[in-house]
Structure formats: structure tokens, C-alpha cells
Protein backbone atom coordinates (compact mmCIF):
# COMPACT_ATOMS: atom_id res chain seq x y z
CA MET A 1 3.38 -14.63 -6.79
CA LYS A 2 6.55 -15.01 -5.24
CA PRO A 3 6.82 -14.07 -1.57
CA ALA A 4 9.91 -11.67 -2.06
CA TYR A 5 10.61 -8.70 -4.60
CA ASN A 6 13.25 -6.73 -5.32
CA VAL A 7 10.58 -3.89 -5.74
CA ILE A 8 7.44 -3.43 -4.69
CA ILE A 9 5.16 -0.35 -5.97
CA ILE A 10 2.15 0.48 -4.16
CA GLY A 11 -0.37 2.55 -6.64
CA THR A 12 -1.65 1.73 -10.04
CA GLY A 13 -1.91 5.22 -11.78
CA ALA A 14 0.58 6.71 -13.87
CA ALA A 15 3.32 6.87 -11.35
CA GLY A 16 3.20 3.45 -10.52
CA PHE A 17 2.94 1.94 -13.82
CA SER A 18 5.65 4.30 -15.06
CA ALA A 19 7.60 2.96 -12.51
CA GLY A 20 6.86 -0.67 -12.94
CA ILE A 21 7.88 -0.36 -16.60
CA TYR A 22 11.43 0.88 -15.72
CA SER A 23 11.65 -1.35 -12.80
CA ARG A 24 11.15 -4.20 -15.32
CA ARG A 25 13.70 -2.83 -17.47
CA TYR A 26 16.29 -2.81 -14.98
CA LEU A 27 15.37 -6.55 -14.42
CA LEU A 28 14.03 -6.22 -11.03
CA ASP A 29 11.50 -8.70 -9.85
CA THR A 30 8.49 -6.49 -9.73
CA LEU A 31 5.15 -6.00 -7.67
CA ILE A 32 2.48 -3.35 -8.11
CA ILE A 33 -0.46 -3.35 -5.94
CA GLY A 34 -3.37 -1.10 -6.04
CA GLU A 35 -6.89 -1.04 -4.96
CA GLU A 36 -8.16 1.95 -7.46
CA PHE A 37 -7.04 0.73 -10.68
CA GLY A 38 -5.46 4.25 -13.06
CA GLY A 39 -6.32 6.78 -9.89
CA GLN A 40 -7.61 9.97 -10.57
CA THR A 41 -6.99 9.30 -14.39
CA SER A 42 -9.00 6.18 -15.26
CA TRP A 43 -12.31 8.84 -14.39
CA GLY A 44 -10.64 12.03 -15.67
CA GLY A 45 -12.26 11.67 -19.00
CA VAL A 46 -10.64 12.80 -22.29
CA ILE A 47 -6.87 13.98 -22.27
CA GLU A 48 -5.17 15.91 -24.63
CA ASN A 49 -1.81 16.99 -23.39
CA TYR A 50 0.14 13.47 -23.06
CA PRO A 51 2.65 13.19 -25.68
CA GLY A 52 1.90 10.62 -28.42
CA PHE A 53 -1.65 10.66 -28.24
CA LYS A 54 -3.85 13.81 -29.55
CA SER A 55 -6.65 12.51 -27.98
CA ILE A 56 -7.30 9.51 -25.43
CA GLU A 57 -9.58 8.71 -22.50
CA GLY A 58 -8.06 8.60 -19.21
CA TYR A 59 -8.95 4.71 -18.75
CA GLU A 60 -7.74 3.82 -21.82
CA LEU A 61 -4.19 5.46 -21.04
CA MET A 62 -4.09 3.65 -17.71
CA LYS A 63 -5.06 0.32 -19.73
CA ARG A 64 -2.14 0.63 -22.05
CA MET A 65 0.44 1.50 -19.00
CA ARG A 66 -0.65 -1.40 -17.19
CA ASP A 67 -0.49 -3.64 -20.16
CA GLN A 68 2.80 -2.26 -21.18
CA ALA A 69 3.91 -3.38 -17.58
CA GLU A 70 2.57 -6.56 -17.65
CA ALA A 71 4.12 -7.49 -21.00
CA LEU A 72 7.47 -6.75 -19.28
CA GLY A 73 6.94 -9.13 -16.75
CA ALA A 74 5.63 -6.86 -13.75
CA GLU A 75 3.21 -8.61 -11.35
CA ILE A 76 -0.01 -6.70 -10.77
CA LEU A 77 -2.10 -7.66 -7.59
CA GLU A 78 -5.42 -5.72 -6.96
CA ASP A 79 -5.57 -5.30 -3.25
CA ARG A 80 -4.84 -2.57 -0.75
CA VAL A 81 -1.74 -2.19 1.53
CA ILE A 82 -2.69 -1.81 4.87
CA ASP A 83 1.05 -1.92 6.62
CA ILE A 84 4.89 -1.89 5.66
CA LYS A 85 7.42 -2.53 8.23
CA LYS A 86 11.15 -2.21 7.76
CA GLU A 87 13.25 -5.15 9.44
CA GLY A 88 16.91 -4.56 8.60
CA ASN A 89 17.47 -4.44 5.08
CA CYS A 90 13.94 -5.71 3.92
CA PHE A 91 10.33 -4.02 3.66
CA LYS A 92 7.51 -6.36 5.01
CA VAL A 93 4.19 -5.67 3.12
CA LEU A 94 0.56 -6.28 4.42
CA THR A 95 -2.47 -6.43 2.08
CA LYS A 96 -6.09 -5.92 3.31
CA SER A 97 -6.54 -9.63 1.80
CA GLN A 98 -3.75 -10.55 4.55
CA ARG A 99 -1.34 -11.27 1.94
CA GLU A 100 2.15 -10.78 3.16
CA PHE A 101 5.19 -9.66 0.60
CA LEU A 102 8.84 -8.87 1.17
CA SER A 103 10.85 -6.41 -0.89
CA ASP A 104 14.17 -4.80 -1.08
CA ALA A 105 12.76 -1.56 -2.04
CA ILE A 106 9.51 0.16 -1.69
CA ILE A 107 7.96 2.91 -4.53
CA LEU A 108 5.36 4.75 -2.82
CA ALA A 109 3.10 5.93 -5.94
CA THR A 110 -0.05 6.36 -3.63
CA GLY A 111 -1.53 9.20 -5.31
CA SER A 112 -4.15 11.76 -3.42
CA GLN A 113 -7.71 12.15 -2.64
CA ARG A 114 -10.19 14.57 -3.37
CA ARG A 115 -10.49 17.50 -0.80
CA ARG A 116 -14.01 18.01 0.57
CA LEU A 117 -15.66 21.09 2.00
CA ASN A 118 -15.97 20.04 5.26
CA LEU A 119 -19.54 21.28 5.51
CA PRO A 120 -22.30 19.53 7.56
CA LYS A 121 -24.55 17.41 5.38
CA GLU A 122 -21.94 16.91 2.70
CA LYS A 123 -21.19 13.45 3.45
CA GLU A 124 -24.73 12.24 3.93
CA LEU A 125 -25.32 14.21 0.59
CA THR A 126 -22.61 12.78 -1.33
CA GLY A 127 -24.13 11.04 -4.24
CA LYS A 128 -27.46 12.62 -3.76
CA GLY A 129 -26.30 16.33 -5.60
CA ILE A 130 -23.15 16.15 -4.22
CA HIS A 131 -20.11 14.93 -6.46
CA TYR A 132 -16.20 15.09 -6.66
CA CYS A 133 -16.26 13.70 -10.24
CA VAL A 134 -17.76 15.42 -13.17
CA THR A 135 -16.59 13.00 -15.77
CA CYS A 136 -18.44 10.46 -13.67
CA ASP A 137 -21.81 12.29 -12.68
CA ALA A 138 -22.37 15.25 -15.02
CA PRO A 139 -24.73 13.21 -17.26
CA LEU A 140 -27.21 12.90 -14.62
CA TYR A 141 -28.05 16.52 -14.81
CA ARG A 142 -29.15 17.13 -18.43
CA GLY A 143 -31.15 20.07 -18.67
CA LYS A 144 -30.09 21.19 -14.88
CA GLU A 145 -28.41 23.76 -13.27
CA ILE A 146 -25.53 22.99 -11.24
CA ALA A 147 -22.67 24.44 -9.36
CA ILE A 148 -19.25 23.47 -9.87
CA VAL A 149 -16.52 24.69 -6.74
CA GLY A 150 -13.10 25.55 -7.78
CA GLY A 151 -10.79 27.83 -9.42
CA GLY A 152 -8.12 25.79 -11.14
CA ASP A 153 -7.77 23.75 -14.25
CA ALA A 154 -10.06 20.71 -12.93
CA SER A 155 -12.91 23.03 -12.21
CA VAL A 156 -12.63 24.46 -15.77
CA LYS A 157 -12.28 21.49 -17.61
CA GLY A 158 -15.26 20.35 -15.49
CA ALA A 159 -17.38 23.11 -16.35
CA VAL A 160 -16.41 22.37 -20.17
CA LEU A 161 -18.01 18.99 -19.92
CA ALA A 162 -20.68 19.47 -17.91
CA GLY A 163 -21.47 21.97 -20.49
CA GLN A 164 -22.30 19.10 -22.44
CA TYR A 165 -25.22 17.98 -20.27
CA ALA A 166 -26.14 21.16 -17.93
CA SER A 167 -28.51 24.14 -18.60
CA LYS A 168 -26.70 26.05 -16.31
CA ILE A 169 -23.09 26.35 -14.45
CA TYR A 170 -22.36 28.38 -11.58
CA LEU A 171 -18.35 28.34 -11.04
CA ILE A 172 -17.70 28.99 -7.61
CA THR A 173 -14.12 30.28 -6.55
CA ARG A 174 -12.76 32.17 -3.82
CA GLU A 175 -9.91 33.76 -5.90
CA LYS A 176 -10.36 36.92 -7.60
CA GLU A 177 -9.34 35.19 -11.01
CA ILE A 178 -9.47 31.55 -12.58
CA ARG A 179 -6.05 29.67 -12.54
CA ALA A 180 -6.60 27.18 -15.52
CA GLU A 181 -4.63 26.18 -19.22
CA PRO A 182 -5.53 29.02 -21.49
CA ILE A 183 -6.87 26.33 -24.13
CA ASN A 184 -9.49 24.95 -21.35
CA PHE A 185 -10.13 28.56 -20.35
CA GLN A 186 -10.83 29.19 -23.84
CA LYS A 187 -13.02 26.37 -24.18
CA MET A 188 -15.10 27.17 -21.26
CA LYS A 189 -15.75 30.85 -22.48
CA GLU A 190 -16.91 29.64 -25.81
CA LEU A 191 -20.11 28.02 -23.93
CA GLY A 192 -21.07 31.61 -23.36
CA ASP A 193 -23.69 32.46 -20.35
CA LYS A 194 -24.20 28.83 -19.96
CA VAL A 195 -21.33 29.30 -17.36
CA GLU A 196 -21.43 32.22 -14.89
CA ILE A 197 -18.35 32.71 -12.77
CA LEU A 198 -18.84 33.65 -8.94
CA TYR A 199 -15.27 35.38 -7.56
CA GLN A 200 -14.48 35.58 -4.19
CA THR A 201 -17.26 33.76 -3.06
CA GLU A 202 -17.74 30.31 -1.05
CA VAL A 203 -20.46 27.96 -0.47
CA LYS A 204 -20.89 28.15 3.33
CA GLU A 205 -23.85 25.78 3.78
CA LEU A 206 -25.88 22.78 2.11
CA ILE A 207 -29.74 22.79 2.12
CA GLY A 208 -31.23 19.50 1.70
CA GLU A 209 -32.51 16.43 3.66
CA ASP A 210 -33.08 13.42 1.22
CA ARG A 211 -30.89 15.41 -1.25
CA LEU A 212 -29.39 18.82 -2.32
CA GLU A 213 -31.82 21.51 -2.83
CA LYS A 214 -29.40 24.72 -2.25
CA ILE A 215 -26.46 25.80 -1.37
CA VAL A 216 -25.92 29.23 0.69
CA LEU A 217 -22.88 31.67 -0.72
CA THR A 218 -20.86 34.12 1.46
CA LYS A 219 -21.34 36.75 -1.18
CA PRO A 220 -24.79 37.18 -2.44
CA TYR A 221 -25.70 36.62 -6.09
CA LYS A 222 -28.42 38.69 -7.66
CA GLY A 223 -29.34 40.13 -3.82
CA LYS A 224 -29.55 36.27 -2.50
CA GLU A 225 -27.22 34.04 -0.40
CA GLU A 226 -29.30 31.10 -1.22
CA LEU A 227 -28.89 29.43 -5.09
CA GLU A 228 -30.90 26.65 -5.73
CA VAL A 229 -29.11 23.98 -8.14
CA SER A 230 -29.40 20.13 -8.71
CA GLY A 231 -26.05 19.47 -8.28
CA LEU A 232 -22.73 20.79 -6.86
CA PHE A 233 -19.45 19.24 -7.59
CA ILE A 234 -16.42 20.08 -5.58
CA GLU A 235 -13.34 20.75 -7.49
CA ILE A 236 -10.78 21.85 -4.66
CA GLY A 237 -7.71 19.85 -5.23
CA SER A 238 -6.62 16.92 -3.57
CA ILE A 239 -4.62 15.87 0.02
CA PRO A 240 -1.95 13.41 -0.46
CA ASN A 241 -2.07 9.93 0.57
CA THR A 242 0.53 9.39 2.92
CA GLU A 243 -0.46 7.31 5.69
CA LEU A 244 1.79 4.30 4.74
CA ALA A 245 4.91 6.66 4.59
CA LYS A 246 3.92 8.01 8.24
CA LYS A 247 4.01 4.02 9.55
CA LEU A 248 7.98 3.93 8.36
CA GLY A 249 8.73 7.28 9.86
CA ALA A 250 9.12 8.98 6.26
CA ASN A 251 9.45 12.93 6.55
CA LEU A 252 6.88 15.01 5.32
CA ASP A 253 7.17 18.40 3.79
CA ASP A 254 5.26 21.61 5.05
CA LYS A 255 2.67 20.82 2.86
CA GLY A 256 1.97 17.34 3.93
CA TYR A 257 3.58 15.72 1.08
CA LEU A 258 5.80 13.24 0.99
CA GLN A 259 9.35 14.57 1.16
CA THR A 260 12.23 13.44 -1.46
CA ASP A 261 15.17 14.66 -3.03
CA ASN A 262 15.06 15.06 -6.64
CA MET A 263 15.84 11.43 -7.54
CA MET A 264 12.80 10.58 -5.55
CA ARG A 265 14.94 8.94 -2.43
CA THR A 266 13.22 9.72 1.10
CA ASN A 267 14.81 9.57 4.19
CA ILE A 268 14.24 6.07 4.61
CA PRO A 269 17.06 4.20 2.62
CA GLY A 270 14.70 1.94 0.27
CA LEU A 271 11.87 4.24 0.26
CA PHE A 272 11.04 6.14 -2.67
CA GLY A 273 8.13 8.46 -3.81
CA ALA A 274 6.33 9.16 -7.14
CA GLY A 275 3.35 11.03 -8.40
CA ASP A 276 1.04 13.03 -6.46
CA VAL A 277 2.05 12.08 -3.38
CA VAL A 278 5.39 14.16 -3.85
CA ASN A 279 5.13 17.65 -4.18
CA ILE A 280 8.38 18.26 -6.45
CA PHE A 281 6.43 20.24 -9.28
CA GLY A 282 4.21 22.18 -6.83
CA ARG A 283 0.25 22.30 -7.82
CA PHE A 284 1.20 21.38 -11.32
CA LYS A 285 0.17 17.73 -11.25
CA GLN A 286 -0.29 15.87 -14.51
CA ASP A 287 0.08 12.64 -15.89
CA ILE A 288 3.59 13.21 -17.52
CA THR A 289 4.99 14.41 -14.52
CA ALA A 290 3.55 11.40 -12.24
CA ALA A 291 5.18 9.16 -15.14
CA ALA A 292 8.41 10.72 -14.92
CA LEU A 293 8.79 10.46 -11.32
CA GLY A 294 7.58 7.41 -11.71
CA ALA A 295 10.78 6.57 -13.92
CA VAL A 296 13.10 8.50 -11.69
CA ALA A 297 12.13 6.25 -8.54
CA SER A 298 12.63 2.97 -10.33
CA THR A 299 16.03 4.26 -11.55
CA SER A 300 16.85 5.37 -7.87
CA ALA A 301 15.55 1.78 -6.44
CA TYR A 302 17.66 -0.10 -9.27
CA GLU A 303 20.95 2.12 -7.91
CA TYR A 304 20.33 1.41 -4.29
CA ILE A 305 19.75 -2.44 -4.60
CA LYS A 306 22.75 -3.11 -6.79
CA GLY A 307 24.88 -1.15 -4.73
CA LYS A 308 23.98 -3.60 -1.86
CA ASP A 309 25.79 -6.63 -1.00
CA LYS A 310 23.25 -8.16 0.95
CA LEU A 311 19.63 -6.65 1.14
CA CYS A 312 16.19 -9.25 1.85
CA THR A 313 18.14 -12.27 3.18
CA LEU A 314 15.13 -14.70 2.11
CA HIS A 315 16.24 -14.19 -1.57
CA ALA A 316 18.19 -11.45 -2.78
CA LYS A 317 21.49 -10.92 -4.63
CA ALA A 318 22.72 -7.59 -5.75
CA VAL A 319 21.60 -6.94 -9.19
CA THR A 320 24.31 -6.31 -11.07
């Protein structure tokens, strides 16, 4: 791999791979760096709303995007970026493996991480009854009773998937209603009384030593605050991964997302955002929107690079 590039894309999900595809079509020297292949999509189960595919596994969709970016000439590195500095017109990128690269432009497609309940014992019981991925871990609960905390589309899709395994599913939401795509809500309703929704209810305590045994609710269920479940799946949204953006002094919005204009430009010249790390579409975050934002970010990066007479002095000529 070369030490210097026109653009370095940080993130290997839909936004990152889409950005890589477009960057190479603009003939930019492109490096994509990511530690978790495919992001949340790679273990998100079956996807039925991505154009061009009636049904496709999330992992397979990400693999096809990666293969397309590589076929166009993008270089891909499995590593974690731990620091970025801007020196003059150059960005200096340092990875966990102590590799260093220079770039004219950076596209942050760092995505988000799952929110937690932040309750005592949550960390200790993770993987021992507490989970954040229904697709990954629902098969462990065949014939058992589980609970899912949520209220959005992800929790409903999780309930539909878990319905193939669990004998009973309690969907716990603090809201007065469920917010989900109608088609997914209908699929959940077809499970009948296997799924029971506990509205305006939260989990306030986790009980268990070696593994989860019970959860304590803020609102009694059938006269009791304690609910015995074998597993608890948490689907309450995500937190944007903005640590690298903060290191560069990029502005964040009032919800903590990387702030960009509608062409994915940040307040730092040469720094662009894409995917779930930005909040262009509010809480509507899908692979199709992430991919679209990756394409826009690469277009802006191309315009930025070709408009400069001098960028990274070690290698750069303005793209024509």
C-alpha cells in the first residue's frame, strides 16, 4: 500500500464502500480502512428493502459492495484508525497497527454503536443473557421466553426473527405506540400471542449472578414488577462514532452527530462525513441512505481535490 492517497475513507459499511466506489470512478487514489467489516448491516439478517434485491443477507450485501470497490481499484485495509491530524493541506492518519498514511481528503463513515441501558450488571451479564444482536443470538433461545427493549423498527424486526425460536417474546417500550415500518409490524402481528407488547414500561433492574434470571419493570405486568426471562435483547438505537471527528475539531450537532451541509462537507476543509455518523435523515437510517451519503461525500471530495493547486506535497497533483 502507498503511504499517500487522494482520499482515505474510514469505515467499511454501506457508506464507506459506496464512497469507495464513487471515489474510484472519479479516479481518486482511494484507501478504505475499517475494523468491523460491514458495520451493523453485516449481522443485521435478511434485507428486503434494498433496491435491486428482493431479499439478501446483510453480510452478502456488504460483501458485494466491497468486491465492487476493490474491482474498481480501491485498496482496503482491515485496521482501526486511532488518530487523525491535519498538517497544512494534508491529513495524517495513524492506525492501531502503527501504520501511517497521508491523504488530501478524509471521509468519515464511522457509523454508530448500540446504545445500552446503563444499568448495574449490564456489562457483566452481556453474553450471559443480555444481547444487542437478535440475528446473532436469538437461536440460543429456542423454546424459551425472552424480552426485547425497543419500540422502533429494529426491535420489531428483531421480534419477527426471534419468533422463529423463542416460545414467548415481551416487547418492552417506554412509548405509547410502536414506530415501525407497517410491513414489519404486520409480520409481528402474525405471530399472534407469541409477542406481547408492554407499553410505557422500562427495565429498571437486572437480576442474576452468573447469567440473567429476571428483569424488574417500572410498571407491573400481571401484578408483578419482576419478569422471568432467559434473554434480554436491547434495541434502543445507536450513538454516532465521532471520536475521530472530535480530534480534528469538527463541529457536532445538538444530538452529537457530525455536522455537515447537504453535500457532506464539514467545517474542516477536506473532511467529509457519510452514513450513520451524520444526521441528515434524522432517525431514518438505512443502507440505502448511507450508500447515498457515501456517494455524495465522494463527489464533494473530488470537487475539493480538483479545485486545489497544491494539496499533500509528498504526492499530489490536482485531479483534472
